[in-house]
Protein backbone atom coordinates (compact mmCIF):
# COMPACT_ATOMS: atom_id res chain seq x y z
CA MET A 1 10.42 20.15 -55.45
CA ALA A 2 12.40 20.43 -52.21
CA ALA A 3 15.57 22.49 -52.36
CA SER A 4 18.86 20.60 -52.37
CA SER A 5 22.11 21.72 -50.75
CA ILE A 6 25.58 20.34 -50.40
CA LEU A 7 26.16 22.43 -47.26
CA THR A 8 23.12 21.37 -45.25
CA ASN A 9 21.87 17.79 -45.63
CA THR A 10 18.53 17.95 -43.83
CA GLY A 11 17.68 14.38 -44.72
CA ALA A 12 20.88 13.08 -43.20
CA MET A 13 20.32 15.13 -40.06
CA VAL A 14 16.80 13.72 -39.60
CA ALA A 15 17.98 10.18 -40.34
CA LEU A 16 20.84 10.55 -37.87
CA GLN A 17 18.54 11.86 -35.14
CA THR A 18 16.14 8.99 -35.73
CA LEU A 19 18.97 6.46 -35.73
CA ASN A 20 20.39 7.89 -32.47
CA ARG A 21 16.98 7.74 -30.83
CA THR A 22 16.50 4.16 -32.00
CA SER A 23 19.97 3.20 -30.76
CA LYS A 24 19.23 4.77 -27.37
CA ASP A 25 15.92 2.90 -27.10
CA LEU A 26 17.67 -0.27 -28.18
CA GLN A 27 20.29 0.18 -25.44
CA THR A 28 17.53 0.70 -22.87
CA VAL A 29 15.77 -2.50 -23.93
CA GLN A 30 19.04 -4.45 -23.89
CA ASP A 31 19.77 -3.15 -20.38
CA ARG A 32 16.31 -4.23 -19.21
CA ILE A 33 16.75 -7.69 -20.69
CA SER A 34 20.22 -8.12 -19.17
CA THR A 35 19.18 -6.89 -15.70
CA GLY A 36 15.57 -8.08 -15.72
CA MET A 37 14.55 -4.64 -14.45
CA LYS A 38 12.80 -1.73 -16.10
CA VAL A 39 13.68 0.55 -13.16
CA ALA A 40 17.22 -0.22 -12.02
CA THR A 41 18.24 3.26 -10.89
CA ALA A 42 16.53 6.48 -9.88
CA LYS A 43 17.12 7.99 -13.34
CA ASP A 44 14.96 5.28 -14.93
CA ASN A 45 11.86 6.39 -12.98
CA SER A 46 12.52 8.33 -9.79
CA SER A 47 8.99 7.88 -8.41
CA TYR A 48 8.85 4.11 -8.90
CA TRP A 49 12.46 3.72 -7.74
CA SER A 50 11.72 5.64 -4.51
CA ILE A 51 8.60 3.61 -3.73
CA ALA A 52 10.31 0.31 -4.52
CA THR A 53 13.37 1.20 -2.43
CA THR A 54 11.15 1.97 0.57
CA MET A 55 9.25 -1.28 0.10
CA LYS A 56 12.51 -3.23 -0.17
CA SER A 57 13.65 -1.63 3.09
CA ASP A 58 10.41 -2.73 4.77
CA VAL A 59 10.87 -6.24 3.42
CA SER A 60 14.37 -6.42 4.91
CA ALA A 61 13.04 -5.22 8.27
CA LEU A 62 10.16 -7.70 8.21
CA LYS A 63 12.50 -10.57 7.37
CA ALA A 64 14.72 -9.69 10.33
CA LEU A 65 11.66 -9.43 12.58
CA ASN A 66 10.39 -12.80 11.40
CA GLU A 67 13.70 -14.40 12.29
CA ASN A 68 13.50 -12.82 15.73
CA LEU A 69 9.87 -13.90 16.03
CA ALA A 70 10.90 -17.48 15.32
CA ILE A 71 13.33 -17.33 18.25
CA ASN A 72 10.73 -15.77 20.55
CA SER A 73 8.14 -18.31 19.43
CA ALA A 74 10.51 -21.16 20.22
CA THR A 75 11.24 -19.62 23.64
CA VAL A 76 7.54 -19.38 24.46
CA GLN A 77 6.89 -22.87 23.12
CA THR A 78 9.65 -24.25 25.32
CA ALA A 79 8.10 -22.55 28.34
CA ARG A 80 4.67 -23.90 27.44
CA VAL A 81 5.98 -27.45 27.14
CA GLY A 82 7.74 -27.01 30.48
CA ALA A 83 4.60 -25.70 32.19
CA GLU A 84 2.54 -28.55 30.75
CA ASN A 85 5.08 -31.09 32.01
CA ILE A 86 5.04 -29.49 35.47
CA GLN A 87 1.25 -29.74 35.44
CA LYS A 88 1.57 -33.43 34.60
CA LEU A 89 4.02 -33.91 37.45
CA LEU A 90 1.68 -32.06 39.81
CA GLY A 91 -1.01 -34.53 38.80
CA GLU A 92 1.28 -37.29 40.05
CA VAL A 93 1.93 -35.28 43.22
CA LYS A 94 -1.82 -35.04 43.74
CA ALA A 95 -2.16 -38.79 43.33
CA GLN A 96 0.56 -39.41 45.93
CA LEU A 97 -0.98 -36.93 48.38
CA SER A 98 -4.40 -38.51 47.88
CA LEU A 99 -2.85 -41.85 48.76
CA ALA A 100 -1.17 -40.29 51.79
CA THR A 101 -4.52 -39.17 53.24
CA SER A 102 -4.92 -42.75 54.45
CA SER A 103 -3.38 -43.39 57.87
CA SER A 104 -2.43 -46.97 57.00
CA VAL A 105 -0.01 -46.27 54.14
CA ASP A 106 3.75 -45.98 54.27
CA HIS A 107 4.13 -42.19 54.41
CA ALA A 108 7.93 -42.38 54.30
CA LYS A 109 7.82 -44.21 50.99
CA ILE A 110 5.33 -41.69 49.61
CA GLY A 111 7.62 -38.92 50.84
CA LYS A 112 10.45 -40.31 48.72
CA GLU A 113 8.16 -40.36 45.70
CA LEU A 114 7.27 -36.73 46.36
CA ASP A 115 10.97 -35.81 46.64
CA SER A 116 11.57 -37.46 43.29
CA LEU A 117 8.70 -35.50 41.73
CA ALA A 118 10.07 -32.27 43.21
CA ALA A 119 13.44 -33.03 41.60
CA ASN A 120 11.72 -33.65 38.26
CA ILE A 121 9.90 -30.32 38.51
CA GLN A 122 13.21 -28.57 39.21
CA ASN A 123 14.81 -30.30 36.23
CA THR A 124 11.91 -29.19 34.04
CA ILE A 125 12.28 -25.58 35.14
CA SER A 126 16.02 -25.63 34.51
CA ALA A 127 15.63 -27.27 31.10
CA ALA A 128 12.88 -24.90 29.88
CA SER A 129 15.47 -22.51 28.46
CA TYR A 130 15.89 -21.52 24.82
CA ASN A 131 18.66 -19.31 23.52
CA GLY A 132 19.48 -18.26 27.07
CA GLU A 133 15.87 -17.28 27.88
CA ASN A 134 13.87 -19.08 30.57
CA LEU A 135 10.30 -17.98 31.21
CA LEU A 136 9.71 -20.40 34.09
CA ASN A 137 12.04 -18.91 36.67
CA ASN A 138 11.12 -15.21 36.61
CA THR A 139 8.15 -12.87 36.30
CA THR A 140 9.76 -10.36 33.96
CA ALA A 141 7.51 -8.92 31.26
CA ARG A 142 9.13 -8.75 27.82
CA VAL A 143 7.90 -6.49 25.03
CA LEU A 144 8.31 -8.15 21.65
CA THR A 145 8.40 -6.22 18.38
CA VAL A 146 6.37 -8.42 16.07
CA SER A 147 5.92 -6.18 13.02
CA ILE A 148 6.15 -2.65 11.66
CA ASN A 149 3.42 -0.25 10.66
CA ARG A 150 4.13 2.29 7.92
CA SER A 151 1.99 5.39 7.55
CA GLY A 152 3.30 7.61 4.81
CA SER A 153 6.90 8.43 5.60
CA SER A 154 6.65 7.44 9.28
CA ILE A 155 7.06 3.97 10.73
CA SER A 156 6.07 2.51 14.10
CA ALA A 157 6.55 -0.79 15.88
CA VAL A 158 3.80 -3.36 16.43
CA THR A 159 4.41 -5.11 19.75
CA ASP A 160 3.23 -8.02 21.86
CA THR A 161 4.05 -8.91 25.46
CA VAL A 162 5.03 -12.13 27.18
CA SER A 163 5.58 -12.41 30.93
CA GLY A 164 7.56 -15.08 32.69
CA VAL A 165 5.97 -17.21 35.42
CA ASP A 166 8.12 -18.11 38.39
CA MET A 167 7.50 -21.84 38.83
CA THR A 168 10.23 -22.19 41.44
CA ALA A 169 7.61 -21.45 44.12
CA VAL A 170 5.68 -24.49 42.91
CA GLN A 171 8.81 -26.61 43.13
CA THR A 172 9.52 -25.32 46.63
CA PHE A 173 6.01 -26.26 47.71
CA VAL A 174 6.39 -29.80 46.36
CA ALA A 175 9.88 -30.12 47.87
CA GLY A 176 8.40 -29.48 51.32
CA LEU A 177 5.65 -32.10 51.07
CA SER A 178 7.77 -35.04 52.17
CA ALA A 179 8.59 -33.43 55.51
CA ALA A 180 5.00 -32.31 55.94
CA ILE A 181 3.48 -35.79 55.61
CA THR A 182 6.13 -37.67 57.60
CA GLY A 183 6.63 -35.33 60.56
CA GLY A 184 3.49 -36.36 62.47
CA ALA A 185 3.37 -38.43 65.63
CA ASP A 186 1.60 -41.28 63.86
CA GLY A 187 -0.14 -42.31 60.66
CA VAL A 188 -3.30 -40.41 61.56
CA ALA A 189 -1.40 -37.16 62.00
CA ASN A 190 0.49 -37.71 58.75
CA ALA A 191 -2.77 -38.45 56.95
CA ALA A 192 -4.26 -35.21 58.27
CA ALA A 193 -1.21 -33.28 57.10
CA ALA A 194 -1.53 -34.88 53.68
CA GLN A 195 -5.16 -33.75 53.50
CA THR A 196 -4.14 -30.18 54.29
CA GLN A 197 -1.39 -30.21 51.69
CA LEU A 198 -3.73 -31.75 49.13
CA LEU A 199 -6.05 -28.78 49.44
CA ALA A 200 -3.13 -26.36 49.21
CA LEU A 201 -1.87 -28.12 46.08
CA GLU A 202 -4.83 -26.81 44.08
CA ALA A 203 -3.35 -23.30 44.04
CA GLN A 204 -0.06 -24.64 42.66
CA MET A 205 -1.87 -26.59 39.97
CA THR A 206 -3.83 -23.48 39.04
CA THR A 207 -0.56 -21.59 38.66
CA SER A 208 0.87 -24.17 36.27
CA ILE A 209 -2.39 -24.46 34.29
CA ASN A 210 -2.65 -20.70 33.88
CA ALA A 211 1.02 -20.48 32.88
CA ALA A 212 0.67 -23.17 30.21
CA ALA A 213 -2.51 -21.55 28.89
CA GLU A 214 -0.93 -18.09 28.70
CA PHE A 215 2.20 -19.39 26.99
CA GLY A 216 -0.07 -21.26 24.59
CA ASN A 217 -1.98 -18.07 23.77
CA VAL A 218 1.18 -16.05 23.22
CA GLY A 219 2.75 -18.83 21.17
CA LYS A 220 -0.32 -19.02 18.94
CA ARG A 221 -0.29 -15.27 18.40
CA LEU A 222 3.38 -15.38 17.45
CA GLU A 223 2.81 -18.25 15.03
CA LEU A 224 -0.05 -16.37 13.37
CA GLN A 225 2.13 -13.24 13.20
CA VAL A 226 4.97 -15.17 11.56
CA ASP A 227 2.52 -16.55 8.99
CA PHE A 228 1.03 -13.11 8.34
CA THR A 229 4.44 -11.46 8.07
CA SER A 230 5.58 -14.09 5.58
CA LYS A 231 2.54 -13.38 3.42
CA LEU A 232 3.11 -9.63 3.81
CA ILE A 233 6.71 -10.04 2.63
CA ASP A 234 5.49 -11.95 -0.43
CA SER A 235 2.94 -9.23 -1.14
CA LEU A 236 5.53 -6.46 -0.85
CA ASN A 237 7.96 -8.35 -3.06
CA GLU A 238 5.20 -8.74 -5.64
CA GLY A 239 4.52 -5.01 -5.44
CA VAL A 240 8.21 -4.22 -5.92
CA GLY A 241 8.27 -6.54 -8.91
CA THR A 242 5.30 -4.77 -10.47
CA LEU A 243 7.10 -1.44 -10.15
CA VAL A 244 10.62 -2.32 -11.27
CA ASP A 245 10.69 -5.72 -13.00
CA ALA A 246 10.83 -5.78 -16.78
CA ASN A 247 8.25 -7.72 -18.81
CA LEU A 248 10.67 -9.85 -20.79
CA ASN A 249 8.05 -10.87 -23.34
CA GLU A 250 7.35 -7.24 -24.17
CA GLU A 251 11.03 -6.31 -24.12
CA SER A 252 11.88 -9.18 -26.46
CA ALA A 253 9.27 -7.99 -28.94
CA ARG A 254 10.54 -4.41 -28.65
CA LEU A 255 14.11 -5.59 -29.15
CA GLN A 256 13.26 -7.21 -32.45
CA ALA A 257 11.28 -4.17 -33.61
CA LEU A 258 14.07 -1.76 -32.67
CA GLN A 259 16.69 -3.89 -34.40
CA VAL A 260 14.64 -3.65 -37.61
CA GLN A 261 14.23 0.11 -37.08
CA GLN A 262 17.98 0.44 -36.55
CA GLN A 263 18.71 -1.37 -39.80
CA LEU A 264 16.22 0.83 -41.64
CA GLY A 265 17.72 3.93 -40.01
CA ILE A 266 21.18 2.97 -41.21
CA GLN A 267 19.84 2.53 -44.72
CA ALA A 268 17.98 5.86 -44.54
CA LEU A 269 21.14 7.62 -43.36
CA SER A 270 23.13 6.01 -46.14
CA ILE A 271 20.60 7.20 -48.71
CA ALA A 272 20.54 10.71 -47.23
CA ASN A 273 24.34 10.89 -47.23
CA GLY A 274 24.29 9.98 -50.92
CA ALA A 275 22.06 12.91 -51.81
CA PRO A 276 24.98 15.40 -52.32
CA GLN A 277 26.49 13.02 -54.84
CA ASN A 278 23.24 13.18 -56.81
CA ILE A 279 23.56 17.00 -56.95
CA LEU A 280 26.91 16.62 -58.73
CA SER A 281 25.19 14.86 -61.61
CA LEU A 282 23.28 18.05 -62.33
CA PHE A 283 26.53 19.78 -63.31
CA ARG A 284 27.76 17.15 -65.70
């Protein structure tokens, strides 16, 4: 038979320790249910919290980059549309010059058509601007940060490059065609000049074709990068969730179990506290 004492109630001490532990676990579960997180602070799990915090930081950076990528993509797309429109206008210029190679046509009238096309090309160049950026009036190369690469504790930028194409030279060429095909002594001379300019036009058309193709390539890369980054953000968010999110089904089950344990602990403590009273009956 275990020894009994009115000075040291071992049963009550054990019951109280068990009840305190149950109450602490119950508070932890309630916190997880209320916040939806099993790792809310570093004290919950320093390793998981550190990893999740780093991943959250990367997600924030990737989101900002994706927003910037959307702007850059729109800028490149605007330039591509502009280059394609210039190419279309150059097709009309070619048709007019082809017509002007005949000595019997009205070269002055064709010259006015060419002036109008030159004005349209200039308007296209001026309008091909997005957010203050115009890739059709300069040859500046721009380095774009499209993503980040993390290796351990270090991080580096993933970049792409887009270069502007100065289409003003094309416009200048077209703007000079009217004078070139109307300055001859007669229709034959004007027709010969038109033939010369028609051959020279091919280089201008090549410039616009290459520009549209390059902008198309860059734009496609940026679109693919935006799509990849979006999926990467989702993946990182899922990883963060795995580390720190609470499983509410499990926590709900634990909550019910701990509530029962708490009730039993209170009863056990009550019984243990009553033990000294039972000792008194031995002296009656």
